[in-house]
C-alpha atoms as a PDB file:
ATOM      1  CA  ILE A   1     364.152  89.976  80.994  1.00  0.00           C
ATOM      2  CA  MET A   2     362.309  93.107  82.128  1.00  0.00           C
ATOM      3  CA  VAL A   3     361.421  96.164  80.042  1.00  0.00           C
ATOM      4  CA  LYS A   4     362.417  99.502  81.531  1.00  0.00           C
ATOM      5  CA  GLY A   5     359.448 101.621  82.581  1.00  0.00           C
ATOM      6  CA  LYS A   6     356.913  98.875  81.808  1.00  0.00           C
ATOM      7  CA  ALA A   7     357.659  95.651  83.654  1.00  0.00           C
ATOM      8  CA  ARG A   8     356.971  95.389  87.383  1.00  0.00           C
ATOM      9  CA  ALA A   9     357.087  92.553  89.890  1.00  0.00           C
ATOM     10  CA  TYR A  10     356.154  92.666  93.576  1.00  0.00           C
ATOM     11  CA  LEU A  11     354.443  90.523  96.167  1.00  0.00           C
ATOM     12  CA  ALA A  12     352.167  93.409  97.121  1.00  0.00           C
ATOM     13  CA  GLY A  13     351.360  96.423  94.948  1.00  0.00           C
ATOM     14  CA  PRO A  14     351.221  99.974  96.350  1.00  0.00           C
ATOM     15  CA  PRO A  15     347.493  99.808  97.346  1.00  0.00           C
ATOM     16  CA  LEU A  16     347.838  96.474  99.155  1.00  0.00           C
ATOM     17  CA  LEU A  17     351.109  97.569 100.748  1.00  0.00           C
ATOM     18  CA  LYS A  18     349.478 100.704 102.141  1.00  0.00           C
ATOM     19  CA  ALA A  19     346.460  98.743 103.375  1.00  0.00           C
ATOM     20  CA  ALA A  20     348.576  96.057 105.026  1.00  0.00           C
ATOM     21  CA  THR A  21     351.424  98.079 106.529  1.00  0.00           C
ATOM     22  CA  GLY A  22     350.666 101.748 105.986  1.00  0.00           C
ATOM     23  CA  GLU A  23     353.799 102.163 103.887  1.00  0.00           C
ATOM     24  CA  ILE A  24     353.533 104.359 100.801  1.00  0.00           C
ATOM     25  CA  ALA A  25     355.767 103.409  97.870  1.00  0.00           C
ATOM     26  CA  GLU A  26     355.938 104.226  94.182  1.00  0.00           C
ATOM     27  CA  GLU A  27     355.491 101.336  91.738  1.00  0.00           C
ATOM     28  CA  GLU A  28     358.956 101.760  90.209  1.00  0.00           C
ATOM     29  CA  ALA A  29     360.728 101.836  93.564  1.00  0.00           C
ATOM     30  CA  LEU A  30     358.697  98.904  94.858  1.00  0.00           C
ATOM     31  CA  GLY A  31     359.016  96.555  91.911  1.00  0.00           C
ATOM     32  CA  GLY A  32     360.156  98.360  88.780  1.00  0.00           C
ATOM     33  CA  ALA A  33     362.430  96.844  86.157  1.00  0.00           C
ATOM     34  CA  GLU A  34     365.428  99.034  86.984  1.00  0.00           C
ATOM     35  CA  MET A  35     365.151  98.271  90.698  1.00  0.00           C
ATOM     36  CA  HIS A  36     365.093  94.525  90.046  1.00  0.00           C
ATOM     37  CA  ALA A  37     368.018  94.782  87.624  1.00  0.00           C
ATOM     38  CA  ARG A  38     370.225  96.877  89.937  1.00  0.00           C
ATOM     39  CA  GLU A  39     369.151  96.015  93.484  1.00  0.00           C
ATOM     40  CA  SER A  40     367.216  92.764  93.957  1.00  0.00           C
ATOM     41  CA  GLY A  41     368.843  90.845  91.106  1.00  0.00           C
ATOM     42  CA  LEU A  42     365.502  89.410  89.997  1.00  0.00           C
ATOM     43  CA  ALA A  43     366.076  90.592  86.419  1.00  0.00           C
ATOM     44  CA  GLU A  44     369.030  89.192  84.501  1.00  0.00           C
ATOM     45  CA  HIS A  45     368.560  91.606  81.591  1.00  0.00           C
ATOM     46  CA  LEU A  46     367.113  95.123  81.376  1.00  0.00           C
ATOM     47  CA  ALA A  47     365.552  95.993  78.010  1.00  0.00           C
ATOM     48  CA  GLU A  48     364.852  99.468  76.656  1.00  0.00           C
ATOM     49  CA  ASP A  49     361.631  98.408  74.892  1.00  0.00           C
ATOM     50  CA  ASP A  50     359.730  95.324  73.704  1.00  0.00           C
ATOM     51  CA  ALA A  51     361.810  94.933  70.542  1.00  0.00           C
ATOM     52  CA  HIS A  52     365.001  95.056  72.590  1.00  0.00           C
ATOM     53  CA  ALA A  53     363.541  92.451  74.961  1.00  0.00           C
ATOM     54  CA  ILE A  54     362.820  90.077  72.055  1.00  0.00           C
ATOM     55  CA  GLU A  55     366.359  90.579  70.782  1.00  0.00           C
ATOM     56  CA  MET A  56     367.697  89.755  74.241  1.00  0.00           C
ATOM     57  CA  ALA A  57     365.486  86.662  74.412  1.00  0.00           C
ATOM     58  CA  ARG A  58     367.002  85.388  71.169  1.00  0.00           C
ATOM     59  CA  GLU A  59     370.505  85.830  72.588  1.00  0.00           C
ATOM     60  CA  VAL A  60     369.529  84.026  75.800  1.00  0.00           C
ATOM     61  CA  VAL A  61     367.960  81.073  73.969  1.00  0.00           C
ATOM     62  CA  LYS A  62     371.045  80.872  71.760  1.00  0.00           C
ATOM     63  CA  SER A  63     373.234  80.506  74.851  1.00  0.00           C
ATOM     64  CA  LEU A  64     371.136  77.796  76.540  1.00  0.00           C
ATOM     65  CA  ASN A  65     372.346  74.819  74.482  1.00  0.00           C
ATOM     66  CA  TRP A  66     368.868  73.450  75.166  1.00  0.00           C
ATOM     67  CA  ASN A  67     368.749  70.833  72.395  1.00  0.00           C
ATOM     68  CA  ASP A  68     372.040  69.067  73.047  1.00  0.00           C
ATOM     69  CA  ARG A  69     370.784  65.785  71.540  1.00  0.00           C
ATOM     70  CA  VAL A  70     371.015  67.291  68.071  1.00  0.00           C
ATOM     71  CA  PRO A  71     374.603  67.321  66.728  1.00  0.00           C
ATOM     72  CA  GLN A  72     375.901  70.871  66.854  1.00  0.00           C
ATOM     73  CA  HIS A  73     377.132  72.469  63.670  1.00  0.00           C
ATOM     74  CA  HIS A  74     380.049  74.763  64.401  1.00  0.00           C
ATOM     75  CA  GLU A  75     381.051  77.126  61.658  1.00  0.00           C
ATOM     76  CA  LYS A  76     384.635  76.653  60.518  1.00  0.00           C
ATOM     77  CA  SER A  77     384.834  80.366  59.893  1.00  0.00           C
ATOM     78  CA  PHE A  78     384.446  82.913  62.658  1.00  0.00           C
ATOM     79  CA  LYS A  79     384.861  86.635  63.053  1.00  0.00           C
ATOM     80  CA  GLU A  80     387.985  88.043  64.649  1.00  0.00           C
ATOM     81  CA  PRO A  81     387.576  90.543  67.496  1.00  0.00           C
ATOM     82  CA  ARG A  82     386.678  94.049  66.377  1.00  0.00           C
ATOM     83  CA  TYR A  83     389.508  95.443  68.487  1.00  0.00           C
ATOM     84  CA  ASP A  84     393.246  94.980  68.006  1.00  0.00           C
ATOM     85  CA  ILE A  85     394.490  92.113  70.180  1.00  0.00           C
ATOM     86  CA  ASP A  86     397.881  93.847  70.507  1.00  0.00           C
ATOM     87  CA  GLU A  87     396.135  96.383  72.734  1.00  0.00           C
ATOM     88  CA  LEU A  88     395.899  93.730  75.466  1.00  0.00           C
ATOM     89  CA  CYS A  89     399.458  94.599  76.470  1.00  0.00           C
ATOM     90  CA  GLY A  90     398.365  98.078  77.517  1.00  0.00           C
ATOM     91  CA  ILE A  91     394.967  97.440  79.092  1.00  0.00           C
ATOM     92  CA  VAL A  92     396.019  95.642  82.279  1.00  0.00           C
ATOM     93  CA  PRO A  93     398.417  97.886  84.249  1.00  0.00           C
ATOM     94  CA  ALA A  94     401.557  96.459  85.826  1.00  0.00           C
ATOM     95  CA  ASP A  95     400.459  98.031  89.121  1.00  0.00           C
ATOM     96  CA  TYR A  96     397.519  95.994  90.414  1.00  0.00           C
ATOM     97  CA  HIS A  97     396.330  99.005  92.427  1.00  0.00           C
ATOM     98  CA  LYS A  98     395.224 100.743  89.217  1.00  0.00           C
ATOM     99  CA  PRO A  99     391.696  99.841  88.058  1.00  0.00           C
ATOM    100  CA  TYR A 100     390.611  98.854  84.563  1.00  0.00           C
ATOM    101  CA  ASP A 101     387.498  97.367  82.963  1.00  0.00           C
ATOM    102  CA  CYS A 102     387.847  93.637  82.237  1.00  0.00           C
ATOM    103  CA  ARG A 103     385.242  94.050  79.478  1.00  0.00           C
ATOM    104  CA  GLU A 104     388.053  95.690  77.494  1.00  0.00           C
ATOM    105  CA  VAL A 105     390.034  92.445  77.785  1.00  0.00           C
ATOM    106  CA  ILE A 106     387.032  90.303  76.856  1.00  0.00           C
ATOM    107  CA  ALA A 107     386.324  92.471  73.797  1.00  0.00           C
ATOM    108  CA  ARG A 108     389.765  91.537  72.432  1.00  0.00           C
ATOM    109  CA  LEU A 109     389.458  87.812  73.146  1.00  0.00           C
ATOM    110  CA  VAL A 110     386.022  86.769  71.871  1.00  0.00           C
ATOM    111  CA  ASP A 111     384.629  86.397  68.355  1.00  0.00           C
ATOM    112  CA  ASP A 112     383.412  89.671  66.845  1.00  0.00           C
ATOM    113  CA  SER A 113     383.838  91.193  70.345  1.00  0.00           C
ATOM    114  CA  ASP A 114     380.301  89.875  70.937  1.00  0.00           C
ATOM    115  CA  PHE A 115     379.764  89.410  74.677  1.00  0.00           C
ATOM    116  CA  VAL A 116     376.269  88.712  76.058  1.00  0.00           C
ATOM    117  CA  GLU A 117     376.597  89.982  79.599  1.00  0.00           C
ATOM    118  CA  PHE A 118     374.666  88.354  82.452  1.00  0.00           C
ATOM    119  CA  LYS A 119     373.053  90.703  85.016  1.00  0.00           C
ATOM    120  CA  SER A 120     374.994  93.648  83.584  1.00  0.00           C
ATOM    121  CA  ASN A 121     373.304  96.146  85.922  1.00  0.00           C
ATOM    122  CA  TYR A 122     373.708  94.024  89.064  1.00  0.00           C
ATOM    123  CA  ASP A 123     377.075  94.595  90.790  1.00  0.00           C
ATOM    124  CA  PRO A 124     379.767  96.294  88.660  1.00  0.00           C
ATOM    125  CA  PHE A 125     382.702  94.408  90.170  1.00  0.00           C
ATOM    126  CA  THR A 126     382.040  90.844  88.966  1.00  0.00           C
ATOM    127  CA  ILE A 127     381.476  90.497  85.219  1.00  0.00           C
ATOM    128  CA  CYS A 128     379.776  87.390  83.775  1.00  0.00           C
ATOM    129  CA  GLY A 129     378.587  86.555  80.289  1.00  0.00           C
ATOM    130  CA  TYR A 130     378.525  84.302  77.249  1.00  0.00           C
ATOM    131  CA  ALA A 131     380.687  84.457  74.138  1.00  0.00           C
ATOM    132  CA  GLU A 132     382.465  82.313  71.556  1.00  0.00           C
ATOM    133  CA  ILE A 133     386.191  81.936  70.966  1.00  0.00           C
ATOM    134  CA  GLU A 134     387.029  80.689  67.479  1.00  0.00           C
ATOM    135  CA  GLY A 135     383.491  79.362  67.188  1.00  0.00           C
ATOM    136  CA  GLN A 136     383.491  77.560  70.544  1.00  0.00           C
ATOM    137  CA  PRO A 137     380.841  78.711  73.046  1.00  0.00           C
ATOM    138  CA  CYS A 138     381.895  79.427  76.606  1.00  0.00           C
ATOM    139  CA  GLY A 139     381.091  81.446  79.702  1.00  0.00           C
ATOM    140  CA  LEU A 140     383.460  84.088  81.046  1.00  0.00           C
ATOM    141  CA  ILE A 141     383.823  85.486  84.566  1.00  0.00           C
ATOM    142  CA  GLY A 142     386.068  88.479  85.230  1.00  0.00           C
ATOM    143  CA  ASN A 143     386.782  90.976  87.989  1.00  0.00           C
ATOM    144  CA  ASN A 144     386.686  94.749  88.189  1.00  0.00           C
ATOM    145  CA  GLY A 145     387.635  94.782  91.861  1.00  0.00           C
ATOM    146  CA  PRO A 146     386.742  92.853  95.024  1.00  0.00           C
ATOM    147  CA  ILE A 147     384.046  90.185  95.143  1.00  0.00           C
ATOM    148  CA  THR A 148     380.967  91.593  96.896  1.00  0.00           C
ATOM    149  CA  ASN A 149     377.873  89.883  98.273  1.00  0.00           C
ATOM    150  CA  LYS A 150     375.989  90.682  95.081  1.00  0.00           C
ATOM    151  CA  GLY A 151     378.921  89.648  92.913  1.00  0.00           C
ATOM    152  CA  ALA A 152     379.256  86.298  94.673  1.00  0.00           C
ATOM    153  CA  GLY A 153     375.564  85.530  94.165  1.00  0.00           C
ATOM    154  CA  LYS A 154     375.712  86.629  90.551  1.00  0.00           C
ATOM    155  CA  ALA A 155     378.735  84.448  89.750  1.00  0.00           C
ATOM    156  CA  THR A 156     377.244  81.477  91.619  1.00  0.00           C
ATOM    157  CA  GLN A 157     374.068  81.569  89.539  1.00  0.00           C
ATOM    158  CA  PHE A 158     376.063  82.040  86.344  1.00  0.00           C
ATOM    159  CA  ILE A 159     378.255  78.996  87.058  1.00  0.00           C
ATOM    160  CA  GLN A 160     375.141  76.883  87.655  1.00  0.00           C
ATOM    161  CA  LEU A 161     373.667  78.062  84.341  1.00  0.00           C
ATOM    162  CA  CYS A 162     376.890  77.199  82.507  1.00  0.00           C
ATOM    163  CA  CYS A 163     376.830  73.726  84.046  1.00  0.00           C
ATOM    164  CA  GLN A 164     373.223  73.205  82.944  1.00  0.00           C
ATOM    165  CA  ALA A 165     374.072  74.334  79.415  1.00  0.00           C
ATOM    166  CA  GLY A 166     377.319  72.353  79.272  1.00  0.00           C
ATOM    167  CA  LYS A 167     379.438  75.454  78.612  1.00  0.00           C
ATOM    168  CA  PRO A 168     383.073  75.570  79.744  1.00  0.00           C
ATOM    169  CA  ILE A 169     383.965  78.545  81.944  1.00  0.00           C
ATOM    170  CA  ILE A 170     386.936  80.871  81.533  1.00  0.00           C
ATOM    171  CA  PHE A 171     387.974  82.794  84.655  1.00  0.00           C
ATOM    172  CA  LEU A 172     389.846  86.060  84.017  1.00  0.00           C
ATOM    173  CA  GLN A 173     391.245  86.541  87.477  1.00  0.00           C
ATOM    174  CA  ASN A 174     392.010  90.014  88.807  1.00  0.00           C
ATOM    175  CA  THR A 175     390.632  90.448  92.302  1.00  0.00           C
ATOM    176  CA  THR A 176     391.774  91.828  95.631  1.00  0.00           C
ATOM    177  CA  GLY A 177     389.653  89.145  97.303  1.00  0.00           C
ATOM    178  CA  PHE A 178     386.287  89.241  99.039  1.00  0.00           C
ATOM    179  CA  ILE A 179     385.217  92.685 100.187  1.00  0.00           C
ATOM    180  CA  VAL A 180     385.562  93.228 103.955  1.00  0.00           C
ATOM    181  CA  GLY A 181     383.926  95.494 106.508  1.00  0.00           C
ATOM    182  CA  ALA A 182     381.226  95.386 109.167  1.00  0.00           C
ATOM    183  CA  GLN A 183     378.381  96.088 106.737  1.00  0.00           C
ATOM    184  CA  HIS A 184     379.522  93.436 104.276  1.00  0.00           C
ATOM    185  CA  GLU A 185     379.945  90.861 107.056  1.00  0.00           C
ATOM    186  CA  GLN A 186     376.438  91.617 108.316  1.00  0.00           C
ATOM    187  CA  GLU A 187     375.095  91.124 104.798  1.00  0.00           C
ATOM    188  CA  GLY A 188     376.554  87.600 104.794  1.00  0.00           C
ATOM    189  CA  MET A 189     379.886  87.835 102.969  1.00  0.00           C
ATOM    190  CA  ILE A 190     381.165  84.569 104.446  1.00  0.00           C
ATOM    191  CA  LYS A 191     377.954  82.736 103.562  1.00  0.00           C
ATOM    192  CA  ASN A 192     377.710  84.181 100.058  1.00  0.00           C
ATOM    193  CA  GLY A 193     381.404  83.678  99.407  1.00  0.00           C
ATOM    194  CA  ALA A 194     381.047  80.044 100.451  1.00  0.00           C
ATOM    195  CA  LYS A 195     378.234  79.609  97.915  1.00  0.00           C
ATOM    196  CA  LEU A 196     380.530  80.813  95.139  1.00  0.00           C
ATOM    197  CA  ILE A 197     383.426  78.613  96.222  1.00  0.00           C
ATOM    198  CA  GLN A 198     381.049  75.639  96.436  1.00  0.00           C
ATOM    199  CA  ALA A 199     379.786  76.353  92.910  1.00  0.00           C
ATOM    200  CA  VAL A 200     383.353  76.513  91.579  1.00  0.00           C
ATOM    201  CA  SER A 201     384.427  73.298  93.294  1.00  0.00           C
ATOM    202  CA  ASN A 202     381.323  71.404  92.124  1.00  0.00           C
ATOM    203  CA  ALA A 203     381.200  72.718  88.561  1.00  0.00           C
ATOM    204  CA  THR A 204     380.731  69.884  86.062  1.00  0.00           C
ATOM    205  CA  VAL A 205     382.101  71.733  83.033  1.00  0.00           C
ATOM    206  CA  PRO A 206     385.737  72.430  82.095  1.00  0.00           C
ATOM    207  CA  ARG A 207     387.290  75.379  83.919  1.00  0.00           C
ATOM    208  CA  ILE A 208     390.126  77.420  82.439  1.00  0.00           C
ATOM    209  CA  THR A 209     391.764  80.121  84.552  1.00  0.00           C
ATOM    210  CA  LEU A 210     393.820  83.024  83.264  1.00  0.00           C
ATOM    211  CA  ASN A 211     395.511  85.106  85.958  1.00  0.00           C
ATOM    212  CA  ILE A 212     395.742  88.486  84.268  1.00  0.00           C
ATOM    213  CA  GLY A 213     396.169  90.751  87.317  1.00  0.00           C
ATOM    214  CA  GLY A 214     395.991  90.477  91.080  1.00  0.00           C
ATOM    215  CA  ALA A 215     394.914  87.244  92.748  1.00  0.00           C
ATOM    216  CA  PHE A 216     394.603  87.763  96.481  1.00  0.00           C
ATOM    217  CA  GLY A 217     393.283  85.774  99.420  1.00  0.00           C
ATOM    218  CA  ALA A 218     390.135  83.693  99.226  1.00  0.00           C
ATOM    219  CA  GLY A 219     389.213  85.545  96.049  1.00  0.00           C
ATOM    220  CA  ASN A 220     391.822  83.407  94.321  1.00  0.00           C
ATOM    221  CA  TYR A 221     389.874  80.303  95.356  1.00  0.00           C
ATOM    222  CA  ALA A 222     386.548  81.788  94.271  1.00  0.00           C
ATOM    223  CA  MET A 223     387.995  82.513  90.826  1.00  0.00           C
ATOM    224  CA  SER A 224     389.079  78.898  90.309  1.00  0.00           C
ATOM    225  CA  GLY A 225     392.658  79.172  91.535  1.00  0.00           C
ATOM    226  CA  ARG A 226     395.188  76.344  91.540  1.00  0.00           C
ATOM    227  CA  SER A 227     393.815  74.843  94.776  1.00  0.00           C
ATOM    228  CA  PHE A 228     390.515  74.133  93.015  1.00  0.00           C
ATOM    229  CA  GLU A 229     392.189  72.226  90.188  1.00  0.00           C
ATOM    230  CA  PRO A 230     391.032  73.994  87.020  1.00  0.00           C
ATOM    231  CA  ASP A 231     391.616  72.063  83.818  1.00  0.00           C
ATOM    232  CA  PHE A 232     394.220  74.642  82.816  1.00  0.00           C
ATOM    233  CA  LEU A 233     395.741  77.685  84.506  1.00  0.00           C
ATOM    234  CA  PHE A 234     397.968  80.211  82.749  1.00  0.00           C
ATOM    235  CA  ALA A 235     399.211  83.653  83.778  1.00  0.00           C
ATOM    236  CA  TRP A 236     400.109  86.965  82.219  1.00  0.00           C
ATOM    237  CA  PRO A 237     403.314  88.784  83.222  1.00  0.00           C
ATOM    238  CA  THR A 238     401.073  91.174  85.207  1.00  0.00           C
ATOM    239  CA  ASN A 239     399.950  88.380  87.552  1.00  0.00           C
ATOM    240  CA  THR A 240     400.412  88.952  91.294  1.00  0.00           C
ATOM    241  CA  LEU A 241     399.487  86.037  93.573  1.00  0.00           C
ATOM    242  CA  SER A 242     399.430  86.426  97.346  1.00  0.00           C
ATOM    243  CA  VAL A 243     397.383  86.002 100.509  1.00  0.00           C
ATOM    244  CA  MET A 244     397.332  89.798 100.782  1.00  0.00           C
ATOM    245  CA  GLY A 245     399.210  92.811  99.451  1.00  0.00           C
ATOM    246  CA  GLY A 246     402.588  93.730 100.902  1.00  0.00           C
ATOM    247  CA  GLU A 247     401.285  97.064 102.199  1.00  0.00           C
ATOM    248  CA  GLN A 248     398.432  95.355 104.040  1.00  0.00           C
ATOM    249  CA  ALA A 249     400.771  92.752 105.546  1.00  0.00           C
ATOM    250  CA  ALA A 250     403.164  95.482 106.700  1.00  0.00           C
ATOM    251  CA  THR A 251     400.319  97.461 108.272  1.00  0.00           C
ATOM    252  CA  VAL A 252     399.077  94.370 110.135  1.00  0.00           C
ATOM    253  CA  MET A 253     402.544  93.677 111.540  1.00  0.00           C
ATOM    254  CA  SER A 254     402.962  97.329 112.559  1.00  0.00           C
ATOM    255  CA  ILE A 255     399.685  97.193 114.492  1.00  0.00           C
ATOM    256  CA  VAL A 256     400.769  93.941 116.173  1.00  0.00           C
ATOM    257  CA  TYR A 257     404.113  95.508 117.131  1.00  0.00           C
ATOM    258  CA  GLU A 258     402.481  98.674 118.500  1.00  0.00           C
ATOM    259  CA  ASN A 259     400.015  96.650 120.583  1.00  0.00           C
ATOM    260  CA  LYS A 260     402.850  94.508 121.898  1.00  0.00           C
ATOM    261  CA  GLN A 261     404.862  97.550 122.970  1.00  0.00           C
ATOM    262  CA  LYS A 262     401.788  99.116 124.529  1.00  0.00           C
ATOM    263  CA  ALA A 263     401.103  95.953 126.544  1.00  0.00           C
ATOM    264  CA  LYS A 264     404.705  95.979 127.807  1.00  0.00           C
ATOM    265  CA  LYS A 265     404.453  99.737 128.444  1.00  0.00           C
ATOM    266  CA  GLU A 266     407.507 100.323 126.299  1.00  0.00           C
ATOM    267  CA  PRO A 267     408.018 103.015 123.626  1.00  0.00           C
ATOM    268  CA  VAL A 268     407.504 102.262 119.943  1.00  0.00           C
ATOM    269  CA  ASP A 269     410.732 102.215 117.944  1.00  0.00           C
ATOM    270  CA  GLU A 270     409.677 104.138 114.826  1.00  0.00           C
ATOM    271  CA  ALA A 271     412.919 103.382 112.979  1.00  0.00           C
ATOM    272  CA  LEU A 272     412.544  99.653 113.621  1.00  0.00           C
ATOM    273  CA  MET A 273     408.923  99.713 112.519  1.00  0.00           C
ATOM    274  CA  GLU A 274     409.796 101.595 109.325  1.00  0.00           C
ATOM    275  CA  LYS A 275     412.551  99.100 108.528  1.00  0.00           C
ATOM    276  CA  GLN A 276     410.180  96.184 109.173  1.00  0.00           C
ATOM    277  CA  THR A 277     407.586  97.740 106.860  1.00  0.00           C
ATOM    278  CA  GLU A 278     410.086  98.118 104.009  1.00  0.00           C
ATOM    279  CA  GLU A 279     411.335  94.541 104.425  1.00  0.00           C
ATOM    280  CA  ILE A 280     407.815  93.076 104.399  1.00  0.00           C
ATOM    281  CA  ILE A 281     406.769  95.048 101.312  1.00  0.00           C
ATOM    282  CA  ASP A 282     409.940  94.017  99.453  1.00  0.00           C
ATOM    283  CA  TYR A 283     409.495  90.376 100.480  1.00  0.00           C
ATOM    284  CA  TYR A 284     405.879  90.229  99.341  1.00  0.00           C
ATOM    285  CA  ALA A 285     406.766  91.876  96.031  1.00  0.00           C
ATOM    286  CA  ALA A 286     409.414  89.216  95.424  1.00  0.00           C
ATOM    287  CA  VAL A 287     407.368  86.124  96.325  1.00  0.00           C
ATOM    288  CA  SER A 288     404.121  87.175  94.634  1.00  0.00           C
ATOM    289  CA  SER A 289     405.461  88.038  91.179  1.00  0.00           C
ATOM    290  CA  ALA A 290     404.435  86.122  88.072  1.00  0.00           C
ATOM    291  CA  LEU A 291     407.962  84.738  87.605  1.00  0.00           C
ATOM    292  CA  TYR A 292     408.193  83.529  91.201  1.00  0.00           C
ATOM    293  CA  CYS A 293     404.800  81.820  90.996  1.00  0.00           C
ATOM    294  CA  THR A 294     405.448  80.052  87.697  1.00  0.00           C
ATOM    295  CA  SER A 295     408.887  78.907  88.914  1.00  0.00           C
ATOM    296  CA  ARG A 296     407.034  77.022  91.685  1.00  0.00           C
ATOM    297  CA  VAL A 297     404.780  75.410  89.042  1.00  0.00           C
ATOM    298  CA  TRP A 298     401.724  77.169  90.442  1.00  0.00           C
ATOM    299  CA  ASP A 299     400.495  77.580  86.868  1.00  0.00           C
ATOM    300  CA  GLU A 300     401.063  76.064  83.431  1.00  0.00           C
ATOM    301  CA  GLY A 301     403.228  78.999  82.417  1.00  0.00           C
ATOM    302  CA  ILE A 302     403.389  82.709  81.653  1.00  0.00           C
ATOM    303  CA  ILE A 303     402.051  83.658  78.238  1.00  0.00           C
ATOM    304  CA  ASP A 304     402.181  86.709  76.007  1.00  0.00           C
ATOM    305  CA  PRO A 305     398.755  88.402  76.422  1.00  0.00           C
ATOM    306  CA  ARG A 306     398.535  88.699  72.633  1.00  0.00           C
ATOM    307  CA  LYS A 307     398.531  84.891  72.357  1.00  0.00           C
ATOM    308  CA  SER A 308     395.673  84.456  74.821  1.00  0.00           C
ATOM    309  CA  ARG A 309     392.882  84.117  72.254  1.00  0.00           C
ATOM    310  CA  ARG A 310     394.634  81.373  70.275  1.00  0.00           C
ATOM    311  CA  LEU A 311     395.602  79.540  73.459  1.00  0.00           C
ATOM    312  CA  LEU A 312     392.098  79.729  74.938  1.00  0.00           C
ATOM    313  CA  ALA A 313     390.643  78.346  71.711  1.00  0.00           C
ATOM    314  CA  GLU A 314     393.008  75.364  71.883  1.00  0.00           C
ATOM    315  CA  LEU A 315     392.292  74.788  75.574  1.00  0.00           C
ATOM    316  CA  LEU A 316     388.531  74.900  75.005  1.00  0.00           C
ATOM    317  CA  ASP A 317     388.862  72.332  72.239  1.00  0.00           C
ATOM    318  CA  ILE A 318     391.093  70.057  74.345  1.00  0.00           C
ATOM    319  CA  SER A 319     388.835  70.341  77.401  1.00  0.00           C
ATOM    320  CA  MET A 320     385.605  69.580  75.568  1.00  0.00           C
ATOM    321  CA  ARG A 321     387.131  66.718  73.591  1.00  0.00           C
ATOM    322  CA  GLY A 322     388.490  65.288  76.822  1.00  0.00           C
ATOM    323  CA  ARG A 323     385.046  65.319  78.419  1.00  0.00           C
ATOM    324  CA  GLN A 324     383.564  63.516  75.412  1.00  0.00           C
ATOM    325  CA  THR A 325     386.216  60.791  75.298  1.00  0.00           C
ATOM    326  CA  ARG A 326     385.146  57.468  76.781  1.00  0.00           C
ATOM    327  CA  LEU A 327     387.844  55.498  78.557  1.00  0.00           C
ATOM    328  CA  ASP A 328     387.137  51.762  78.662  1.00  0.00           C
ATOM    329  CA  SER A 329     388.766  49.681  81.357  1.00  0.00           C
ATOM    330  CA  ASN A 330     391.339  47.101  80.283  1.00  0.00           C
ATOM    331  CA  THR A 331     390.812  44.175  82.644  1.00  0.00           C
ATOM    332  CA  PHE A 332     392.005  41.191  80.629  1.00  0.00           C
ATOM    333  CA  GLY A 333     395.443  39.718  81.311  1.00  0.00           C
ATOM    334  CA  ILE A 334     398.445  39.664  79.013  1.00  0.00           C
ATOM    335  CA  ALA A 335     398.507  36.606  76.750  1.00  0.00           C
ATOM    336  CA  ARG A 336     402.113  35.397  76.473  1.00  0.00           C
ATOM    337  CA  ILE A 337     403.323  33.871  73.229  1.00  0.00           C
END
């Protein structure tokens, strides 16, 4: 937790930096709280003042589950979300190309709409944080777009913290996959993406996945898709599951066709290419729909978004009870009468 305008952290302050390298840098740019919250990721939380920092510290300690030897007292009563859960039907658009803020979904799922966000200023595309659903503590990871290098590191650390605290994790999946491009590859997207996938596959706490939007490519794995065997996986009617979008697949095949014709020194048949594009887009739309996916038993079923909160509460209870149940082996034979 770092206080804006006050806290600083650096290996070498401005005087030493100038003496050692000749570089001149301002304190805030070199090691200020905002820089560490937005760029380096050193700060998990950015406070406005000391009082705000203490308030944040209380929330963090509350989420640690540090004294797990003492029986936990869970209140039977809990506060409903401050926002109407019926609004969930209109938040996630049917067209996965249209953006939305997954915090709006979280605000309608968790108790009192109280969501303690983790590294809120570090990468806007991957959202992580702590909350309670019907009095049961959990961690939530959601997407506001592709998974970036920063987002992968952020989610990896958050999963490890949830495992240390014994908190189940809910994945609200809506991602176009890992971000691509020369710059992102040079920054280590494969390496950082692998860290996230490793964290998901080795997580020791229950994992519950809710496919609420797009689920594309390796991003589906990183968000605890079916291949990584979450404890439960349900989908909304807006779910779209595919290796890539139909438009991207059609573009790839068009490029392959054009290169093939160029190699043979033959003209490109524009009509044929247009027909191929339409067929590919239609095919991908058909085989990536929520109904198609659930008919192949790739999830536990499609649910009404308005029933998500109640369902998640039941799944959290089942998952945690299952982890606490001890199964004794039955090795003795059957005594016949």
